[in-house]
């Protein structure tokens, strides 16, 4: 645990080493992304959101921006861990060749660093939400419960992709477009109800759909998450995590030979 926390700290500080603003970039990056998406979807395309309890009522661009920001934080976490996964082992060859080093913690370190950035963005979101919506609902206390299954799912996928990335280098080129597609095929930029009815069930196969909707519900709309959907997602996430860790451990024996 001490080694893992130390590596997470090094990962966070190392990313911004030499930059003038340092860790502040972990805050500025999502805000810049928010500004662009708000301009495109909220101002140019005039996208609108049906806020629970206010169906049909108009909302401000600021409210739309906060709703959008909430989804983008979830996506950004998922994108960060999954996109980096195929290159994790390749970027740490020196660790692989040290028999005493627990290579399987590399995905945990990556997930921990991404979780730090998500937490920073989430604190900013809570401040914005309190100002724009006039306060935070009591359901915001369920935020860790709504977000945790995505962390577990992301960790499992990272173990799988990190192992595959050693043997199939093209995986890294494929993941970027797939992650981008996952954003546009999830409720990050629009509500699930805005999709054709026949396509809505398919969105549930996207690993972002349930976490995005659950985090928005508890953080902004004062609603409890869909416990059935979140429970099933959690079970799937745990299964993926166990399978991913087992797959990583089974394939790591050949890492040194390939590298």
Foldseek 3Di string as FASTA:
>chain_A
DVVLVVLLVCVQQVVQPPPPVGNCVLQVVLVVVLVVLLCVVCPVVVDADQFVVRGPHGADSLVLSLLLSLLVLLLQLLCQLLLCLLCQCVVPVVQLPDVPRPSLCSSVSSSSNSVVSSVSSVVVSLVSLCVRVVHWAPLLVCLCVLRVLLSLLSSLSSLQNNLVSLVDVCSSVVRVVVSVVLCVLEPSSHDLVVDPPVCSVVSLVRLSHQSSQQNCCSTRRNHHGPVVSSVVSSVVSNVSNVVSSVVNVVRSVCNNVSD
